[in-house]
Amino acid sequence: MSDDLIKEIEDEIELIKTKLQHIGEMRPGSLNKQYRVPKEKKGRYYQLNYTHKMQSYTKYVRLQFVDDIKDQLASYKNFKALTNRWVELAILHSTLKMDLEKKKRGK
């Protein structure tokens, strides 16, 4: 059973690696729509907020770049989800291999 599970984990890790190779432009953060006159919803603009190397940044984004930034933010979220899953699988893989080795030596 453990050998089959180890193989499944290795296959999923390979799939994650393939998906990571196809991630395009990315950036961390969140994009928020703001208004210069909030009550009247006039003067719309977008603000990008992110943290990098423990430093917080706020950037204004022109309307013509909003769609690109949204795509980059989605790519980054996908990247983070894939790498987090890879780490989870790597921990499980390591644990199963050690348990399997322990059982083999115990026999």
Protein backbone atom coordinates (compact mmCIF):
# COMPACT_ATOMS: atom_id res chain seq x y z
CA MET A 1 0.00 0.00 0.00
CA SER A 2 2.70 2.48 0.95
CA ASP A 3 4.62 1.87 -2.28
CA ASP A 4 1.50 2.71 -4.30
CA LEU A 5 0.88 5.85 -2.25
CA ILE A 6 4.50 6.93 -2.64
CA LYS A 7 4.17 6.50 -6.43
CA GLU A 8 0.95 8.57 -6.45
CA ILE A 9 2.69 11.33 -4.48
CA GLU A 10 5.66 11.31 -6.86
CA ASP A 11 3.30 11.52 -9.85
CA GLU A 12 1.45 14.48 -8.34
CA ILE A 13 4.75 16.25 -7.61
CA GLU A 14 5.76 15.80 -11.26
CA LEU A 15 2.42 17.25 -12.37
CA ILE A 16 2.99 20.26 -10.10
CA LYS A 17 6.45 20.79 -11.59
CA THR A 18 4.95 20.77 -15.09
CA LYS A 19 2.28 23.29 -14.10
CA LEU A 20 4.91 25.56 -12.54
CA GLN A 21 6.85 25.63 -15.82
CA HIS A 22 3.82 27.19 -17.53
CA ILE A 23 3.17 30.02 -15.09
CA GLY A 24 3.61 33.37 -16.79
CA GLU A 25 4.21 36.80 -15.33
CA MET A 26 3.32 37.04 -11.67
CA ARG A 27 3.44 39.38 -8.74
CA PRO A 28 2.23 39.30 -5.15
CA GLY A 29 -0.32 41.63 -3.65
CA SER A 30 -3.86 42.81 -3.91
CA LEU A 31 -5.52 45.29 -6.20
CA ASN A 32 -8.14 47.63 -4.80
CA LYS A 33 -10.48 50.01 -6.56
CA GLN A 34 -10.59 53.45 -4.94
CA TYR A 35 -12.47 56.67 -5.59
CA ARG A 36 -11.27 60.24 -5.09
CA VAL A 37 -14.86 61.15 -4.16
CA PRO A 38 -16.14 57.92 -2.54
CA LYS A 39 -19.70 59.03 -1.81
CA GLU A 40 -20.29 59.92 -5.45
CA LYS A 41 -18.04 57.15 -6.81
CA LYS A 42 -16.12 59.64 -8.94
CA GLY A 43 -12.46 59.63 -9.82
CA ARG A 44 -11.88 55.87 -9.90
CA TYR A 45 -8.33 54.60 -9.61
CA TYR A 46 -6.61 51.35 -8.61
CA GLN A 47 -4.09 50.74 -5.90
CA LEU A 48 -1.72 47.77 -5.73
CA ASN A 49 -0.52 46.77 -2.27
CA TYR A 50 2.12 44.13 -1.62
CA THR A 51 4.94 43.12 0.68
CA HIS A 52 8.34 42.01 -0.60
CA LYS A 53 11.37 41.27 1.56
CA MET A 54 9.45 42.45 4.63
CA GLN A 55 8.81 45.86 3.06
CA SER A 56 5.29 47.09 2.25
CA TYR A 57 4.60 48.88 -1.01
CA THR A 58 1.66 50.75 -2.47
CA LYS A 59 1.60 51.55 -6.17
CA TYR A 60 -1.00 53.27 -8.29
CA VAL A 61 -2.05 51.34 -11.38
CA ARG A 62 -3.30 53.02 -14.54
CA LEU A 63 -6.58 51.68 -15.89
CA GLN A 64 -4.86 50.35 -19.02
CA PHE A 65 -2.76 47.96 -16.86
CA VAL A 66 -5.48 46.69 -14.50
CA ASP A 67 -6.24 43.52 -16.48
CA ASP A 68 -2.53 42.63 -16.74
CA ILE A 69 -2.05 43.15 -13.01
CA LYS A 70 -5.10 40.99 -12.23
CA ASP A 71 -3.63 38.20 -14.38
CA GLN A 72 -0.25 38.52 -12.63
CA LEU A 73 -1.90 38.39 -9.21
CA ALA A 74 -3.87 35.26 -10.21
CA SER A 75 -0.66 33.64 -11.48
CA TYR A 76 1.06 34.37 -8.19
CA LYS A 77 -1.82 32.84 -6.21
CA ASN A 78 -1.63 29.77 -8.42
CA PHE A 79 2.16 29.62 -7.89
CA LYS A 80 1.74 29.81 -4.12
CA ALA A 81 -0.97 27.12 -4.10
CA LEU A 82 1.15 24.78 -6.22
CA THR A 83 4.30 25.26 -4.14
CA ASN A 84 2.38 24.83 -0.88
CA ARG A 85 0.90 21.58 -2.20
CA TRP A 86 4.37 20.44 -3.30
CA VAL A 87 5.71 21.02 0.21
CA GLU A 88 2.79 19.10 1.75
CA LEU A 89 3.42 16.19 -0.61
CA ALA A 90 7.17 16.28 0.01
CA ILE A 91 6.63 16.03 3.76
CA LEU A 92 4.18 13.15 3.33
CA HIS A 93 6.55 11.44 0.86
CA SER A 94 9.46 11.68 3.28
CA THR A 95 7.37 10.41 6.20
CA LEU A 96 6.05 7.44 4.23
CA LYS A 97 9.53 6.49 3.01
CA MET A 98 10.88 6.56 6.54
CA ASP A 99 7.93 4.51 7.84
CA LEU A 100 8.36 1.98 5.04
CA GLU A 101 12.09 1.66 5.76
CA LYS A 102 11.35 1.24 9.46
CA LYS A 103 8.91 -1.59 8.69
CA LYS A 104 11.42 -3.31 6.41
CA ARG A 105 14.11 -3.20 9.09
CA GLY A 106 11.68 -4.36 11.76
CA LYS A 107 10.88 -7.60 9.94
